[in-house]
Amino acid sequence: PYFNEGFDGESFIDIKVHDKDLAVVVAESYKK
């Protein structure tokens, strides 16, 4: 949430799948 304030937007964290060219969202600042 601190990043949201500084950049006036939304923030996410992605991890990379180890054996495929894909990523997965594991955290977000989403508020409905």
ModelCIF file with pLDDT and N, C-alpha, C, O atoms, coordinates in Angstrom:
data_MODEL
#
_entry.id   MODEL 
#
_entity.id                         1 
_entity.type                       polymer 
_entity.pdbx_number_of_molecules   1 
#
_entity_poly.entity_id                      1 
_entity_poly.type                           'polypeptide(L)' 
_entity_poly.nstd_linkage                   no 
_entity_poly.nstd_monomer                   no 
_entity_poly.pdbx_seq_one_letter_code       PYFNEGFDGESFIDIKVHDKDLAVVVAESYKK 
_entity_poly.pdbx_seq_one_letter_code_can   PYFNEGFDGESFIDIKVHDKDLAVVVAESYKK 
_entity_poly.pdbx_strand_id                 A 
#
loop_
_entity_poly_seq.entity_id 
_entity_poly_seq.num 
_entity_poly_seq.mon_id 
_entity_poly_seq.hetero 
1 1  PRO n 
1 2  TYR n 
1 3  PHE n 
1 4  ASN n 
1 5  GLU n 
1 6  GLY n 
1 7  PHE n 
1 8  ASP n 
1 9  GLY n 
1 10 GLU n 
1 11 SER n 
1 12 PHE n 
1 13 ILE n 
1 14 ASP n 
1 15 ILE n 
1 16 LYS n 
1 17 VAL n 
1 18 HIS n 
1 19 ASP n 
1 20 LYS n 
1 21 ASP n 
1 22 LEU n 
1 23 ALA n 
1 24 VAL n 
1 25 VAL n 
1 26 VAL n 
1 27 ALA n 
1 28 GLU n 
1 29 SER n 
1 30 TYR n 
1 31 LYS n 
1 32 LYS n 
#
_struct_asym.id          A 
_struct_asym.entity_id   1 
#
loop_
_ma_qa_metric.id 
_ma_qa_metric.mode 
_ma_qa_metric.name 
_ma_qa_metric.software_group_id 
_ma_qa_metric.type 
1 global pLDDT . pLDDT 
2 local  pLDDT . pLDDT 
#
_ma_qa_metric_global.metric_id      1 
_ma_qa_metric_global.metric_value   82.53 
_ma_qa_metric_global.model_id       1 
_ma_qa_metric_global.ordinal_id     1 
#
loop_
_ma_qa_metric_local.label_asym_id 
_ma_qa_metric_local.label_comp_id 
_ma_qa_metric_local.label_seq_id 
_ma_qa_metric_local.metric_id 
_ma_qa_metric_local.metric_value 
_ma_qa_metric_local.model_id 
_ma_qa_metric_local.ordinal_id 
A PRO 1  2 76.00 1 1  
A TYR 2  2 74.00 1 2  
A PHE 3  2 73.00 1 3  
A ASN 4  2 67.00 1 4  
A GLU 5  2 61.00 1 5  
A GLY 6  2 55.00 1 6  
A PHE 7  2 57.00 1 7  
A ASP 8  2 61.00 1 8  
A GLY 9  2 75.00 1 9  
A GLU 10 2 83.00 1 10 
A SER 11 2 87.00 1 11 
A PHE 12 2 91.00 1 12 
A ILE 13 2 94.00 1 13 
A ASP 14 2 96.00 1 14 
A ILE 15 2 96.00 1 15 
A LYS 16 2 96.00 1 16 
A VAL 17 2 95.00 1 17 
A HIS 18 2 92.00 1 18 
A ASP 19 2 91.00 1 19 
A LYS 20 2 92.00 1 20 
A ASP 21 2 93.00 1 21 
A LEU 22 2 94.00 1 22 
A ALA 23 2 94.00 1 23 
A VAL 24 2 95.00 1 24 
A VAL 25 2 94.00 1 25 
A VAL 26 2 95.00 1 26 
A ALA 27 2 93.00 1 27 
A GLU 28 2 90.00 1 28 
A SER 29 2 84.00 1 29 
A TYR 30 2 71.00 1 30 
A LYS 31 2 66.00 1 31 
A LYS 32 2 60.00 1 32 
#
loop_
_atom_site.group_PDB 
_atom_site.id 
_atom_site.type_symbol 
_atom_site.label_atom_id 
_atom_site.label_alt_id 
_atom_site.label_comp_id 
_atom_site.label_asym_id 
_atom_site.label_entity_id 
_atom_site.label_seq_id 
_atom_site.pdbx_PDB_ins_code 
_atom_site.Cartn_x 
_atom_site.Cartn_y 
_atom_site.Cartn_z 
_atom_site.occupancy 
_atom_site.B_iso_or_equiv 
_atom_site.pdbx_formal_charge 
_atom_site.auth_seq_id 
_atom_site.auth_comp_id 
_atom_site.auth_asym_id 
_atom_site.auth_atom_id 
_atom_site.pdbx_PDB_model_num 
ATOM 1   N N  . PRO A 1 1  ? 0.803   -1.234  0.000   1.00 76.00 ? 1  PRO A N  1 
ATOM 2   C CA . PRO A 1 1  ? 0.000   0.000   0.000   1.00 76.00 ? 1  PRO A CA 1 
ATOM 3   C C  . PRO A 1 1  ? 0.831   1.276   0.000   1.00 76.00 ? 1  PRO A C  1 
ATOM 4   O O  . PRO A 1 1  ? 0.383   2.305   -0.506  1.00 76.00 ? 1  PRO A O  1 
ATOM 5   N N  . TYR A 1 2  ? 2.038   1.223   0.562   1.00 74.00 ? 2  TYR A N  1 
ATOM 6   C CA . TYR A 1 2  ? 2.896   2.408   0.580   1.00 74.00 ? 2  TYR A CA 1 
ATOM 7   C C  . TYR A 1 2  ? 3.313   2.801   -0.839  1.00 74.00 ? 2  TYR A C  1 
ATOM 8   O O  . TYR A 1 2  ? 3.438   3.980   -1.167  1.00 74.00 ? 2  TYR A O  1 
ATOM 9   N N  . PHE A 1 3  ? 3.522   1.787   -1.660  1.00 73.00 ? 3  PHE A N  1 
ATOM 10  C CA . PHE A 1 3  ? 3.874   2.079   -3.048  1.00 73.00 ? 3  PHE A CA 1 
ATOM 11  C C  . PHE A 1 3  ? 2.724   2.774   -3.758  1.00 73.00 ? 3  PHE A C  1 
ATOM 12  O O  . PHE A 1 3  ? 2.947   3.667   -4.576  1.00 73.00 ? 3  PHE A O  1 
ATOM 13  N N  . ASN A 1 4  ? 1.498   2.374   -3.454  1.00 67.00 ? 4  ASN A N  1 
ATOM 14  C CA . ASN A 1 4  ? 0.323   3.002   -4.071  1.00 67.00 ? 4  ASN A CA 1 
ATOM 15  C C  . ASN A 1 4  ? 0.313   4.497   -3.831  1.00 67.00 ? 4  ASN A C  1 
ATOM 16  O O  . ASN A 1 4  ? 0.006   5.274   -4.735  1.00 67.00 ? 4  ASN A O  1 
ATOM 17  N N  . GLU A 1 5  ? 0.649   4.907   -2.606  1.00 61.00 ? 5  GLU A N  1 
ATOM 18  C CA . GLU A 1 5  ? 0.633   6.318   -2.278  1.00 61.00 ? 5  GLU A CA 1 
ATOM 19  C C  . GLU A 1 5  ? 1.711   7.070   -3.037  1.00 61.00 ? 5  GLU A C  1 
ATOM 20  O O  . GLU A 1 5  ? 1.483   8.167   -3.546  1.00 61.00 ? 5  GLU A O  1 
ATOM 21  N N  . GLY A 1 6  ? 2.881   6.469   -3.105  1.00 55.00 ? 6  GLY A N  1 
ATOM 22  C CA . GLY A 1 6  ? 3.982   7.158   -3.762  1.00 55.00 ? 6  GLY A CA 1 
ATOM 23  C C  . GLY A 1 6  ? 3.802   7.289   -5.250  1.00 55.00 ? 6  GLY A C  1 
ATOM 24  O O  . GLY A 1 6  ? 4.269   8.257   -5.852  1.00 55.00 ? 6  GLY A O  1 
ATOM 25  N N  . PHE A 1 7  ? 3.112   6.301   -5.872  1.00 57.00 ? 7  PHE A N  1 
ATOM 26  C CA . PHE A 1 7  ? 2.997   6.307   -7.333  1.00 57.00 ? 7  PHE A CA 1 
ATOM 27  C C  . PHE A 1 7  ? 1.562   6.511   -7.809  1.00 57.00 ? 7  PHE A C  1 
ATOM 28  O O  . PHE A 1 7  ? 1.270   6.439   -9.002  1.00 57.00 ? 7  PHE A O  1 
ATOM 29  N N  . ASP A 1 8  ? 0.663   6.771   -6.834  1.00 61.00 ? 8  ASP A N  1 
ATOM 30  C CA . ASP A 1 8  ? -0.724  7.094   -7.174  1.00 61.00 ? 8  ASP A CA 1 
ATOM 31  C C  . ASP A 1 8  ? -1.309  6.064   -8.131  1.00 61.00 ? 8  ASP A C  1 
ATOM 32  O O  . ASP A 1 8  ? -1.881  6.419   -9.162  1.00 61.00 ? 8  ASP A O  1 
ATOM 33  N N  . GLY A 1 9  ? -1.165  4.799   -7.791  1.00 75.00 ? 9  GLY A N  1 
ATOM 34  C CA . GLY A 1 9  ? -1.680  3.745   -8.658  1.00 75.00 ? 9  GLY A CA 1 
ATOM 35  C C  . GLY A 1 9  ? -1.850  2.459   -7.882  1.00 75.00 ? 9  GLY A C  1 
ATOM 36  O O  . GLY A 1 9  ? -2.212  2.475   -6.706  1.00 75.00 ? 9  GLY A O  1 
ATOM 37  N N  . GLU A 1 10 ? -1.588  1.340   -8.545  1.00 83.00 ? 10 GLU A N  1 
ATOM 38  C CA . GLU A 1 10 ? -1.717  0.038   -7.898  1.00 83.00 ? 10 GLU A CA 1 
ATOM 39  C C  . GLU A 1 10 ? -0.407  -0.733  -8.049  1.00 83.00 ? 10 GLU A C  1 
ATOM 40  O O  . GLU A 1 10 ? 0.372   -0.492  -8.972  1.00 83.00 ? 10 GLU A O  1 
ATOM 41  N N  . SER A 1 11 ? -0.185  -1.652  -7.131  1.00 87.00 ? 11 SER A N  1 
ATOM 42  C CA . SER A 1 11 ? 1.077   -2.395  -7.153  1.00 87.00 ? 11 SER A CA 1 
ATOM 43  C C  . SER A 1 11 ? 0.821   -3.892  -7.089  1.00 87.00 ? 11 SER A C  1 
ATOM 44  O O  . SER A 1 11 ? -0.136  -4.359  -6.472  1.00 87.00 ? 11 SER A O  1 
ATOM 45  N N  . PHE A 1 12 ? 1.709   -4.630  -7.748  1.00 91.00 ? 12 PHE A N  1 
ATOM 46  C CA . PHE A 1 12 ? 1.605   -6.086  -7.825  1.00 91.00 ? 12 PHE A CA 1 
ATOM 47  C C  . PHE A 1 12 ? 2.996   -6.681  -7.656  1.00 91.00 ? 12 PHE A C  1 
ATOM 48  O O  . PHE A 1 12 ? 4.003   -6.002  -7.858  1.00 91.00 ? 12 PHE A O  1 
ATOM 49  N N  . ILE A 1 13 ? 3.041   -7.954  -7.283  1.00 94.00 ? 13 ILE A N  1 
ATOM 50  C CA . ILE A 1 13 ? 4.296   -8.710  -7.270  1.00 94.00 ? 13 ILE A CA 1 
ATOM 51  C C  . ILE A 1 13 ? 4.089   -9.973  -8.095  1.00 94.00 ? 13 ILE A C  1 
ATOM 52  O O  . ILE A 1 13 ? 3.136   -10.724 -7.884  1.00 94.00 ? 13 ILE A O  1 
ATOM 53  N N  . ASP A 1 14 ? 5.011   -10.193 -9.052  1.00 96.00 ? 14 ASP A N  1 
ATOM 54  C CA . ASP A 1 14 ? 4.967   -11.390 -9.897  1.00 96.00 ? 14 ASP A CA 1 
ATOM 55  C C  . ASP A 1 14 ? 6.179   -12.262 -9.621  1.00 96.00 ? 14 ASP A C  1 
ATOM 56  O O  . ASP A 1 14 ? 7.272   -11.761 -9.354  1.00 96.00 ? 14 ASP A O  1 
ATOM 57  N N  . ILE A 1 15 ? 5.977   -13.566 -9.687  1.00 96.00 ? 15 ILE A N  1 
ATOM 58  C CA . ILE A 1 15 ? 7.097   -14.519 -9.662  1.00 96.00 ? 15 ILE A CA 1 
ATOM 59  C C  . ILE A 1 15 ? 7.161   -15.198 -11.028 1.00 96.00 ? 15 ILE A C  1 
ATOM 60  O O  . ILE A 1 15 ? 6.159   -15.268 -11.739 1.00 96.00 ? 15 ILE A O  1 
ATOM 61  N N  . LYS A 1 16 ? 8.333   -15.695 -11.391 1.00 96.00 ? 16 LYS A N  1 
ATOM 62  C CA . LYS A 1 16 ? 8.494   -16.343 -12.701 1.00 96.00 ? 16 LYS A CA 1 
ATOM 63  C C  . LYS A 1 16 ? 8.434   -17.860 -12.546 1.00 96.00 ? 16 LYS A C  1 
ATOM 64  O O  . LYS A 1 16 ? 9.077   -18.432 -11.665 1.00 96.00 ? 16 LYS A O  1 
ATOM 65  N N  . VAL A 1 17 ? 7.657   -18.500 -13.409 1.00 95.00 ? 17 VAL A N  1 
ATOM 66  C CA . VAL A 1 17 ? 7.560   -19.964 -13.401 1.00 95.00 ? 17 VAL A CA 1 
ATOM 67  C C  . VAL A 1 17 ? 8.905   -20.536 -13.845 1.00 95.00 ? 17 VAL A C  1 
ATOM 68  O O  . VAL A 1 17 ? 9.463   -20.109 -14.856 1.00 95.00 ? 17 VAL A O  1 
ATOM 69  N N  . HIS A 1 18 ? 9.416   -21.492 -13.095 1.00 92.00 ? 18 HIS A N  1 
ATOM 70  C CA . HIS A 1 18 ? 10.807  -21.928 -13.328 1.00 92.00 ? 18 HIS A CA 1 
ATOM 71  C C  . HIS A 1 18 ? 11.004  -22.697 -14.624 1.00 92.00 ? 18 HIS A C  1 
ATOM 72  O O  . HIS A 1 18 ? 12.096  -22.653 -15.189 1.00 92.00 ? 18 HIS A O  1 
ATOM 73  N N  . ASP A 1 19 ? 9.985   -23.403 -15.120 1.00 91.00 ? 19 ASP A N  1 
ATOM 74  C CA . ASP A 1 19 ? 10.196  -24.224 -16.309 1.00 91.00 ? 19 ASP A CA 1 
ATOM 75  C C  . ASP A 1 19 ? 9.365   -23.776 -17.514 1.00 91.00 ? 19 ASP A C  1 
ATOM 76  O O  . ASP A 1 19 ? 9.287   -24.480 -18.520 1.00 91.00 ? 19 ASP A O  1 
ATOM 77  N N  . LYS A 1 20 ? 8.742   -22.589 -17.399 1.00 92.00 ? 20 LYS A N  1 
ATOM 78  C CA . LYS A 1 20 ? 7.949   -22.062 -18.510 1.00 92.00 ? 20 LYS A CA 1 
ATOM 79  C C  . LYS A 1 20 ? 8.149   -20.560 -18.597 1.00 92.00 ? 20 LYS A C  1 
ATOM 80  O O  . LYS A 1 20 ? 8.534   -19.912 -17.625 1.00 92.00 ? 20 LYS A O  1 
ATOM 81  N N  . ASP A 1 21 ? 7.880   -20.015 -19.786 1.00 93.00 ? 21 ASP A N  1 
ATOM 82  C CA . ASP A 1 21 ? 8.031   -18.575 -19.986 1.00 93.00 ? 21 ASP A CA 1 
ATOM 83  C C  . ASP A 1 21 ? 6.757   -17.865 -19.543 1.00 93.00 ? 21 ASP A C  1 
ATOM 84  O O  . ASP A 1 21 ? 6.072   -17.222 -20.339 1.00 93.00 ? 21 ASP A O  1 
ATOM 85  N N  . LEU A 1 22 ? 6.460   -17.998 -18.252 1.00 94.00 ? 22 LEU A N  1 
ATOM 86  C CA . LEU A 1 22 ? 5.242   -17.430 -17.673 1.00 94.00 ? 22 LEU A CA 1 
ATOM 87  C C  . LEU A 1 22 ? 5.574   -16.805 -16.324 1.00 94.00 ? 22 LEU A C  1 
ATOM 88  O O  . LEU A 1 22 ? 6.616   -17.087 -15.734 1.00 94.00 ? 22 LEU A O  1 
ATOM 89  N N  . ALA A 1 23 ? 4.666   -15.946 -15.841 1.00 94.00 ? 23 ALA A N  1 
ATOM 90  C CA . ALA A 1 23 ? 4.795   -15.387 -14.502 1.00 94.00 ? 23 ALA A CA 1 
ATOM 91  C C  . ALA A 1 23 ? 3.450   -15.503 -13.803 1.00 94.00 ? 23 ALA A C  1 
ATOM 92  O O  . ALA A 1 23 ? 2.417   -15.698 -14.443 1.00 94.00 ? 23 ALA A O  1 
ATOM 93  N N  . VAL A 1 24 ? 3.477   -15.382 -12.480 1.00 95.00 ? 24 VAL A N  1 
ATOM 94  C CA . VAL A 1 24 ? 2.254   -15.517 -11.678 1.00 95.00 ? 24 VAL A CA 1 
ATOM 95  C C  . VAL A 1 24 ? 2.179   -14.352 -10.700 1.00 95.00 ? 24 VAL A C  1 
ATOM 96  O O  . VAL A 1 24 ? 3.179   -13.985 -10.082 1.00 95.00 ? 24 VAL A O  1 
ATOM 97  N N  . VAL A 1 25 ? 0.988   -13.772 -10.561 1.00 94.00 ? 25 VAL A N  1 
ATOM 98  C CA . VAL A 1 25 ? 0.770   -12.691 -9.598  1.00 94.00 ? 25 VAL A CA 1 
ATOM 99  C C  . VAL A 1 25 ? 0.579   -13.298 -8.207  1.00 94.00 ? 25 VAL A C  1 
ATOM 100 O O  . VAL A 1 25 ? -0.347  -14.079 -7.987  1.00 94.00 ? 25 VAL A O  1 
ATOM 101 N N  . VAL A 1 26 ? 1.464   -12.934 -7.264  1.00 95.00 ? 26 VAL A N  1 
ATOM 102 C CA . VAL A 1 26 ? 1.376   -13.522 -5.921  1.00 95.00 ? 26 VAL A CA 1 
ATOM 103 C C  . VAL A 1 26 ? 0.971   -12.511 -4.857  1.00 95.00 ? 26 VAL A C  1 
ATOM 104 O O  . VAL A 1 26 ? 0.656   -12.893 -3.731  1.00 95.00 ? 26 VAL A O  1 
ATOM 105 N N  . ALA A 1 27 ? 0.976   -11.227 -5.201  1.00 93.00 ? 27 ALA A N  1 
ATOM 106 C CA . ALA A 1 27 ? 0.551   -10.206 -4.241  1.00 93.00 ? 27 ALA A CA 1 
ATOM 107 C C  . ALA A 1 27 ? 0.059   -8.987  -5.015  1.00 93.00 ? 27 ALA A C  1 
ATOM 108 O O  . ALA A 1 27 ? 0.543   -8.693  -6.108  1.00 93.00 ? 27 ALA A O  1 
ATOM 109 N N  . GLU A 1 28 ? -0.911  -8.281  -4.431  1.00 90.00 ? 28 GLU A N  1 
ATOM 110 C CA . GLU A 1 28 ? -1.439  -7.072  -5.059  1.00 90.00 ? 28 GLU A CA 1 
ATOM 111 C C  . GLU A 1 28 ? -2.037  -6.174  -3.997  1.00 90.00 ? 28 GLU A C  1 
ATOM 112 O O  . GLU A 1 28 ? -2.380  -6.621  -2.903  1.00 90.00 ? 28 GLU A O  1 
ATOM 113 N N  . SER A 1 29 ? -2.156  -4.910  -4.333  1.00 84.00 ? 29 SER A N  1 
ATOM 114 C CA . SER A 1 29 ? -2.721  -3.949  -3.388  1.00 84.00 ? 29 SER A CA 1 
ATOM 115 C C  . SER A 1 29 ? -4.205  -3.719  -3.663  1.00 84.00 ? 29 SER A C  1 
ATOM 116 O O  . SER A 1 29 ? -4.759  -2.694  -3.265  1.00 84.00 ? 29 SER A O  1 
ATOM 117 N N  . TYR A 1 30 ? -4.843  -4.656  -4.335  1.00 71.00 ? 30 TYR A N  1 
ATOM 118 C CA . TYR A 1 30 ? -6.228  -4.519  -4.793  1.00 71.00 ? 30 TYR A CA 1 
ATOM 119 C C  . TYR A 1 30 ? -7.209  -4.302  -3.638  1.00 71.00 ? 30 TYR A C  1 
ATOM 120 O O  . TYR A 1 30 ? -7.222  -5.050  -2.660  1.00 71.00 ? 30 TYR A O  1 
ATOM 121 N N  . LYS A 1 31 ? -8.022  -3.265  -3.780  1.00 66.00 ? 31 LYS A N  1 
ATOM 122 C CA . LYS A 1 31 ? -9.155  -3.040  -2.876  1.00 66.00 ? 31 LYS A CA 1 
ATOM 123 C C  . LYS A 1 31 ? -10.395 -2.919  -3.751  1.00 66.00 ? 31 LYS A C  1 
ATOM 124 O O  . LYS A 1 31 ? -10.455 -2.053  -4.624  1.00 66.00 ? 31 LYS A O  1 
ATOM 125 N N  . LYS A 1 32 ? -11.360 -3.760  -3.532  1.00 60.00 ? 32 LYS A N  1 
ATOM 126 C CA . LYS A 1 32 ? -12.502 -3.893  -4.448  1.00 60.00 ? 32 LYS A CA 1 
ATOM 127 C C  . LYS A 1 32 ? -13.185 -2.560  -4.741  1.00 60.00 ? 32 LYS A C  1 
ATOM 128 O O  . LYS A 1 32 ? -14.158 -2.517  -5.494  1.00 60.00 ? 32 LYS A O  1 
#
